[in-house]
Amino acid sequence: MIKIREAIVVEGRYDKNTLAQIVDASILETSGFGIMKDKKQLQLLRNVAKTRGLIVLTDSDGAGFVIRNFLKGAIPSRYLKHAYIPDIAGKERRKDVPGKEGKLGVEGMKPEIIVEALCRAGATLEGESTTRTAGNITKQHLMELGLSGGADSGAKRLQLLRKLNLPEHMSANALLQALNLLTDLQGLEALLREE
């Protein structure tokens, strides 16, 4: 079990139960879309984010991205880190049928995938310094590399997302944030040259 300084917010109790078996951290729930109406829970998330930092770990489906984007708009970005699980087809054990998009959620992920997602997000692990060096990739670089603003930039972004094992719903801005946690400009250029 790894100890993480930041608190982690997930969609629901099954996600929380899965995560509690993997990490030693404060884990909070959004109650799915309930967070959009629960002002007290949202204020708690804001307070926790301000004092400890908050890692958002939602499913990689459309609903997960709606919740993630709501939190992005409700909590200052300097207090948030975003962990993304990959798109993996399947269904959770407790369910009879897969979800609407046929993807595994946080609760269905293997522990090593969750740990990797948290590390990629920049989680502060026990005994690790809280300062990290950010990448140097800008929106302009994404445009110059054909990942944004071009006729086929969506397809190029999708190809890169798959190569990095990131969810397909990520916007160009979310991809930029993830890239700056994972690599630098030279590393990105090398990734794009790989076939």
C-alpha atoms as a PDB file:
ATOM      1  CA  MET A   1       0.000   0.000   0.000  1.00  0.00           C
ATOM      2  CA  ILE A   2       1.377   3.393  -0.953  1.00  0.00           C
ATOM      3  CA  LYS A   3       0.827   6.522   1.092  1.00  0.00           C
ATOM      4  CA  ILE A   4      -0.241   9.642  -0.797  1.00  0.00           C
ATOM      5  CA  ARG A   5      -0.233  13.134   0.657  1.00  0.00           C
ATOM      6  CA  GLU A   6      -3.069  14.563  -1.451  1.00  0.00           C
ATOM      7  CA  ALA A   7      -6.689  13.591  -0.962  1.00  0.00           C
ATOM      8  CA  ILE A   8      -8.306  11.697  -3.846  1.00  0.00           C
ATOM      9  CA  VAL A   9     -11.836  12.238  -5.114  1.00  0.00           C
ATOM     10  CA  VAL A  10     -13.683   9.430  -6.927  1.00  0.00           C
ATOM     11  CA  GLU A  11     -17.207   9.057  -8.255  1.00  0.00           C
ATOM     12  CA  GLY A  12     -18.725   6.557  -5.848  1.00  0.00           C
ATOM     13  CA  ARG A  13     -18.408   4.074  -3.004  1.00  0.00           C
ATOM     14  CA  TYR A  14     -17.233   1.136  -5.126  1.00  0.00           C
ATOM     15  CA  ASP A  15     -14.417   3.264  -6.512  1.00  0.00           C
ATOM     16  CA  LYS A  16     -13.599   4.345  -2.958  1.00  0.00           C
ATOM     17  CA  ASN A  17     -13.538   0.732  -1.738  1.00  0.00           C
ATOM     18  CA  THR A  18     -11.189  -0.294  -4.553  1.00  0.00           C
ATOM     19  CA  LEU A  19      -8.867   2.629  -3.926  1.00  0.00           C
ATOM     20  CA  ALA A  20      -8.808   2.085  -0.148  1.00  0.00           C
ATOM     21  CA  GLN A  21      -7.254  -1.345  -0.753  1.00  0.00           C
ATOM     22  CA  ILE A  22      -4.428   0.184  -2.794  1.00  0.00           C
ATOM     23  CA  VAL A  23      -3.516   3.538  -1.255  1.00  0.00           C
ATOM     24  CA  ASP A  24      -3.270   5.106   2.168  1.00  0.00           C
ATOM     25  CA  ALA A  25      -4.895   8.478   1.499  1.00  0.00           C
ATOM     26  CA  SER A  26      -8.030  10.451   2.258  1.00  0.00           C
ATOM     27  CA  ILE A  27     -10.604   9.334  -0.305  1.00  0.00           C
ATOM     28  CA  LEU A  28     -13.738  11.387  -0.944  1.00  0.00           C
ATOM     29  CA  GLU A  29     -16.751  10.719  -3.182  1.00  0.00           C
ATOM     30  CA  THR A  30     -18.735  12.906  -5.554  1.00  0.00           C
ATOM     31  CA  SER A  31     -21.787  10.617  -5.399  1.00  0.00           C
ATOM     32  CA  GLY A  32     -21.698  10.696  -9.167  1.00  0.00           C
ATOM     33  CA  PHE A  33     -23.535  13.725 -10.522  1.00  0.00           C
ATOM     34  CA  GLY A  34     -24.720  14.418  -6.955  1.00  0.00           C
ATOM     35  CA  ILE A  35     -21.730  16.732  -6.497  1.00  0.00           C
ATOM     36  CA  MET A  36     -23.372  19.216  -8.835  1.00  0.00           C
ATOM     37  CA  LYS A  37     -26.174  19.836  -6.313  1.00  0.00           C
ATOM     38  CA  ASP A  38     -24.421  19.109  -3.011  1.00  0.00           C
ATOM     39  CA  LYS A  39     -22.973  22.481  -1.977  1.00  0.00           C
ATOM     40  CA  LYS A  40     -21.652  21.166   1.340  1.00  0.00           C
ATOM     41  CA  GLN A  41     -19.715  18.318  -0.288  1.00  0.00           C
ATOM     42  CA  LEU A  42     -18.341  20.698  -2.907  1.00  0.00           C
ATOM     43  CA  GLN A  43     -17.211  23.102  -0.176  1.00  0.00           C
ATOM     44  CA  LEU A  44     -15.507  20.192   1.601  1.00  0.00           C
ATOM     45  CA  LEU A  45     -13.674  19.303  -1.618  1.00  0.00           C
ATOM     46  CA  ARG A  46     -12.589  22.936  -2.032  1.00  0.00           C
ATOM     47  CA  ASN A  47     -11.298  23.101   1.538  1.00  0.00           C
ATOM     48  CA  VAL A  48      -9.443  19.802   1.252  1.00  0.00           C
ATOM     49  CA  ALA A  49      -7.970  20.841  -2.100  1.00  0.00           C
ATOM     50  CA  LYS A  50      -6.716  24.095  -0.608  1.00  0.00           C
ATOM     51  CA  THR A  51      -5.086  22.462   2.423  1.00  0.00           C
ATOM     52  CA  ARG A  52      -3.775  19.143   1.025  1.00  0.00           C
ATOM     53  CA  GLY A  53      -4.243  19.158  -2.706  1.00  0.00           C
ATOM     54  CA  LEU A  54      -6.810  17.008  -4.501  1.00  0.00           C
ATOM     55  CA  ILE A  55      -6.382  14.321  -7.135  1.00  0.00           C
ATOM     56  CA  VAL A  56      -9.404  13.782  -9.373  1.00  0.00           C
ATOM     57  CA  LEU A  57      -9.755  10.118 -10.372  1.00  0.00           C
ATOM     58  CA  THR A  58     -12.927   9.483 -12.359  1.00  0.00           C
ATOM     59  CA  ASP A  59     -13.924   6.817 -14.856  1.00  0.00           C
ATOM     60  CA  SER A  60     -12.769   7.310 -18.455  1.00  0.00           C
ATOM     61  CA  ASP A  61     -16.316   7.380 -19.802  1.00  0.00           C
ATOM     62  CA  GLY A  62     -18.333  10.454 -20.740  1.00  0.00           C
ATOM     63  CA  ALA A  63     -19.970  10.714 -17.311  1.00  0.00           C
ATOM     64  CA  GLY A  64     -16.573  10.653 -15.609  1.00  0.00           C
ATOM     65  CA  PHE A  65     -15.405  13.517 -17.786  1.00  0.00           C
ATOM     66  CA  VAL A  66     -18.553  15.551 -17.028  1.00  0.00           C
ATOM     67  CA  ILE A  67     -17.820  15.198 -13.293  1.00  0.00           C
ATOM     68  CA  ARG A  68     -14.109  15.943 -13.807  1.00  0.00           C
ATOM     69  CA  ASN A  69     -14.903  19.064 -15.836  1.00  0.00           C
ATOM     70  CA  PHE A  70     -17.393  20.250 -13.223  1.00  0.00           C
ATOM     71  CA  LEU A  71     -14.684  19.975 -10.556  1.00  0.00           C
ATOM     72  CA  LYS A  72     -12.200  21.766 -12.844  1.00  0.00           C
ATOM     73  CA  GLY A  73     -14.609  24.697 -12.977  1.00  0.00           C
ATOM     74  CA  ALA A  74     -15.456  24.654  -9.273  1.00  0.00           C
ATOM     75  CA  ILE A  75     -11.990  24.306  -7.711  1.00  0.00           C
ATOM     76  CA  PRO A  76      -8.930  26.421  -8.592  1.00  0.00           C
ATOM     77  CA  SER A  77      -6.608  24.445 -10.861  1.00  0.00           C
ATOM     78  CA  ARG A  78      -3.546  25.121  -8.694  1.00  0.00           C
ATOM     79  CA  TYR A  79      -5.027  22.753  -6.085  1.00  0.00           C
ATOM     80  CA  LEU A  80      -5.989  19.965  -8.506  1.00  0.00           C
ATOM     81  CA  LYS A  81      -4.147  17.083 -10.127  1.00  0.00           C
ATOM     82  CA  HIS A  82      -5.853  14.809 -12.638  1.00  0.00           C
ATOM     83  CA  ALA A  83      -5.309  11.055 -12.739  1.00  0.00           C
ATOM     84  CA  TYR A  84      -6.603   9.278 -15.823  1.00  0.00           C
ATOM     85  CA  ILE A  85      -7.298   5.577 -16.132  1.00  0.00           C
ATOM     86  CA  PRO A  86      -7.016   4.062 -19.613  1.00  0.00           C
ATOM     87  CA  ASP A  87      -9.927   2.977 -21.771  1.00  0.00           C
ATOM     88  CA  ILE A  88     -10.226  -0.753 -21.124  1.00  0.00           C
ATOM     89  CA  ALA A  89     -13.239  -2.656 -22.405  1.00  0.00           C
ATOM     90  CA  GLY A  90     -15.072  -4.840 -19.918  1.00  0.00           C
ATOM     91  CA  LYS A  91     -17.439  -4.860 -16.975  1.00  0.00           C
ATOM     92  CA  GLU A  92     -16.985  -4.861 -13.234  1.00  0.00           C
ATOM     93  CA  ARG A  93     -17.549  -8.142 -11.367  1.00  0.00           C
ATOM     94  CA  ARG A  94     -20.564  -6.864  -9.446  1.00  0.00           C
ATOM     95  CA  LYS A  95     -22.405  -5.846 -12.620  1.00  0.00           C
ATOM     96  CA  ASP A  96     -24.462  -8.080 -14.885  1.00  0.00           C
ATOM     97  CA  VAL A  97     -23.792  -6.006 -17.987  1.00  0.00           C
ATOM     98  CA  PRO A  98     -21.091  -3.523 -18.974  1.00  0.00           C
ATOM     99  CA  GLY A  99     -21.676   0.219 -18.602  1.00  0.00           C
ATOM    100  CA  LYS A 100     -23.098   2.327 -21.412  1.00  0.00           C
ATOM    101  CA  GLU A 101     -19.714   2.766 -23.120  1.00  0.00           C
ATOM    102  CA  GLY A 102     -18.489  -0.752 -22.309  1.00  0.00           C
ATOM    103  CA  LYS A 103     -15.437   0.477 -20.369  1.00  0.00           C
ATOM    104  CA  LEU A 104     -14.106  -0.530 -16.987  1.00  0.00           C
ATOM    105  CA  GLY A 105     -14.347   2.158 -14.351  1.00  0.00           C
ATOM    106  CA  VAL A 106     -12.002   2.890 -11.461  1.00  0.00           C
ATOM    107  CA  GLU A 107     -13.480   0.001  -9.478  1.00  0.00           C
ATOM    108  CA  GLY A 108     -12.583  -2.474 -12.232  1.00  0.00           C
ATOM    109  CA  MET A 109      -8.967  -1.402 -12.690  1.00  0.00           C
ATOM    110  CA  LYS A 110      -6.012  -3.501 -11.566  1.00  0.00           C
ATOM    111  CA  PRO A 111      -4.102  -1.969  -8.644  1.00  0.00           C
ATOM    112  CA  GLU A 112      -0.959  -1.375 -10.697  1.00  0.00           C
ATOM    113  CA  ILE A 113      -2.944   0.636 -13.273  1.00  0.00           C
ATOM    114  CA  ILE A 114      -4.401   2.849 -10.549  1.00  0.00           C
ATOM    115  CA  VAL A 115      -0.985   3.385  -8.955  1.00  0.00           C
ATOM    116  CA  GLU A 116       0.489   4.267 -12.350  1.00  0.00           C
ATOM    117  CA  ALA A 117      -2.350   6.739 -13.019  1.00  0.00           C
ATOM    118  CA  LEU A 118      -1.801   8.417  -9.641  1.00  0.00           C
ATOM    119  CA  CYS A 119       1.959   8.625 -10.174  1.00  0.00           C
ATOM    120  CA  ARG A 120       1.494  10.044 -13.675  1.00  0.00           C
ATOM    121  CA  ALA A 121      -0.812  12.700 -12.190  1.00  0.00           C
ATOM    122  CA  GLY A 122       1.989  13.828  -9.914  1.00  0.00           C
ATOM    123  CA  ALA A 123       0.767  12.347  -6.633  1.00  0.00           C
ATOM    124  CA  THR A 124       3.135  13.068  -3.758  1.00  0.00           C
ATOM    125  CA  LEU A 125       4.200   9.683  -2.419  1.00  0.00           C
ATOM    126  CA  GLU A 126       5.367   9.214   1.151  1.00  0.00           C
ATOM    127  CA  GLY A 127       8.980  10.287   1.513  1.00  0.00           C
ATOM    128  CA  GLU A 128       8.957  12.123  -1.813  1.00  0.00           C
ATOM    129  CA  SER A 129       9.498  15.851  -2.235  1.00  0.00           C
ATOM    130  CA  THR A 130       6.398  17.910  -2.970  1.00  0.00           C
ATOM    131  CA  THR A 131       8.137  19.850  -5.731  1.00  0.00           C
ATOM    132  CA  ARG A 132       8.117  18.512  -9.258  1.00  0.00           C
ATOM    133  CA  THR A 133       9.542  19.808 -12.449  1.00  0.00           C
ATOM    134  CA  ALA A 134       6.858  20.503 -14.995  1.00  0.00           C
ATOM    135  CA  GLY A 135       7.197  19.836 -18.675  1.00  0.00           C
ATOM    136  CA  ASN A 136       7.731  22.657 -21.120  1.00  0.00           C
ATOM    137  CA  ILE A 137       4.982  21.847 -23.625  1.00  0.00           C
ATOM    138  CA  THR A 138       2.613  24.675 -24.586  1.00  0.00           C
ATOM    139  CA  LYS A 139      -0.595  24.955 -26.623  1.00  0.00           C
ATOM    140  CA  GLN A 140       1.512  26.436 -29.395  1.00  0.00           C
ATOM    141  CA  HIS A 141       3.627  23.268 -29.458  1.00  0.00           C
ATOM    142  CA  LEU A 142       0.471  21.156 -29.802  1.00  0.00           C
ATOM    143  CA  MET A 143      -0.557  23.249 -32.796  1.00  0.00           C
ATOM    144  CA  GLU A 144       2.897  23.084 -34.382  1.00  0.00           C
ATOM    145  CA  LEU A 145       2.958  19.299 -33.928  1.00  0.00           C
ATOM    146  CA  GLY A 146      -0.485  18.935 -35.508  1.00  0.00           C
ATOM    147  CA  LEU A 147      -2.238  17.851 -32.296  1.00  0.00           C
ATOM    148  CA  SER A 148      -4.508  20.884 -32.106  1.00  0.00           C
ATOM    149  CA  GLY A 149      -6.206  23.257 -34.519  1.00  0.00           C
ATOM    150  CA  GLY A 150      -5.639  21.233 -37.691  1.00  0.00           C
ATOM    151  CA  ALA A 151      -7.936  19.277 -39.964  1.00  0.00           C
ATOM    152  CA  ASP A 152      -6.708  15.905 -38.706  1.00  0.00           C
ATOM    153  CA  SER A 153      -5.548  16.967 -35.229  1.00  0.00           C
ATOM    154  CA  GLY A 154      -8.334  14.990 -33.525  1.00  0.00           C
ATOM    155  CA  ALA A 155      -7.132  11.766 -35.150  1.00  0.00           C
ATOM    156  CA  LYS A 156      -3.507  12.536 -34.258  1.00  0.00           C
ATOM    157  CA  ARG A 157      -4.495  13.277 -30.637  1.00  0.00           C
ATOM    158  CA  LEU A 158      -6.453  10.022 -30.472  1.00  0.00           C
ATOM    159  CA  GLN A 159      -3.441   8.097 -31.757  1.00  0.00           C
ATOM    160  CA  LEU A 160      -1.218   9.747 -29.133  1.00  0.00           C
ATOM    161  CA  LEU A 161      -3.772   9.102 -26.375  1.00  0.00           C
ATOM    162  CA  ARG A 162      -3.814   5.413 -27.282  1.00  0.00           C
ATOM    163  CA  LYS A 163      -0.006   5.301 -27.362  1.00  0.00           C
ATOM    164  CA  LEU A 164       0.118   6.825 -23.860  1.00  0.00           C
ATOM    165  CA  ASN A 165      -2.744   4.622 -22.639  1.00  0.00           C
ATOM    166  CA  LEU A 166      -4.899   7.649 -21.775  1.00  0.00           C
ATOM    167  CA  PRO A 167      -8.699   7.925 -22.201  1.00  0.00           C
ATOM    168  CA  GLU A 168     -10.060   8.964 -25.581  1.00  0.00           C
ATOM    169  CA  HIS A 169     -12.349  11.640 -24.074  1.00  0.00           C
ATOM    170  CA  MET A 170      -9.425  13.889 -23.128  1.00  0.00           C
ATOM    171  CA  SER A 171      -9.585  17.364 -24.632  1.00  0.00           C
ATOM    172  CA  ALA A 172      -6.513  19.071 -26.065  1.00  0.00           C
ATOM    173  CA  ASN A 173      -6.175  21.049 -22.804  1.00  0.00           C
ATOM    174  CA  ALA A 174      -6.376  17.912 -20.646  1.00  0.00           C
ATOM    175  CA  LEU A 175      -3.846  16.221 -22.924  1.00  0.00           C
ATOM    176  CA  LEU A 176      -1.526  19.228 -22.534  1.00  0.00           C
ATOM    177  CA  GLN A 177      -1.732  18.936 -18.754  1.00  0.00           C
ATOM    178  CA  ALA A 178      -1.068  15.196 -18.857  1.00  0.00           C
ATOM    179  CA  LEU A 179       1.842  15.585 -21.281  1.00  0.00           C
ATOM    180  CA  ASN A 180       3.515  18.121 -19.007  1.00  0.00           C
ATOM    181  CA  LEU A 181       3.320  15.600 -16.164  1.00  0.00           C
ATOM    182  CA  LEU A 182       4.652  12.745 -18.283  1.00  0.00           C
ATOM    183  CA  THR A 183       7.301  14.195 -20.560  1.00  0.00           C
ATOM    184  CA  ASP A 184       8.905  17.276 -22.035  1.00  0.00           C
ATOM    185  CA  LEU A 185       8.870  18.682 -25.561  1.00  0.00           C
ATOM    186  CA  GLN A 186      11.725  16.488 -26.771  1.00  0.00           C
ATOM    187  CA  GLY A 187      10.053  13.387 -25.348  1.00  0.00           C
ATOM    188  CA  LEU A 188       6.774  14.298 -27.030  1.00  0.00           C
ATOM    189  CA  GLU A 189       8.474  14.814 -30.369  1.00  0.00           C
ATOM    190  CA  ALA A 190      10.148  11.404 -30.013  1.00  0.00           C
ATOM    191  CA  LEU A 191       6.778   9.802 -29.187  1.00  0.00           C
ATOM    192  CA  LEU A 192       5.226  11.306 -32.299  1.00  0.00           C
ATOM    193  CA  ARG A 193       8.049   9.985 -34.502  1.00  0.00           C
ATOM    194  CA  GLU A 194       7.447   6.402 -33.262  1.00  0.00           C
ATOM    195  CA  GLU A 195       5.245   4.323 -35.536  1.00  0.00           C
END
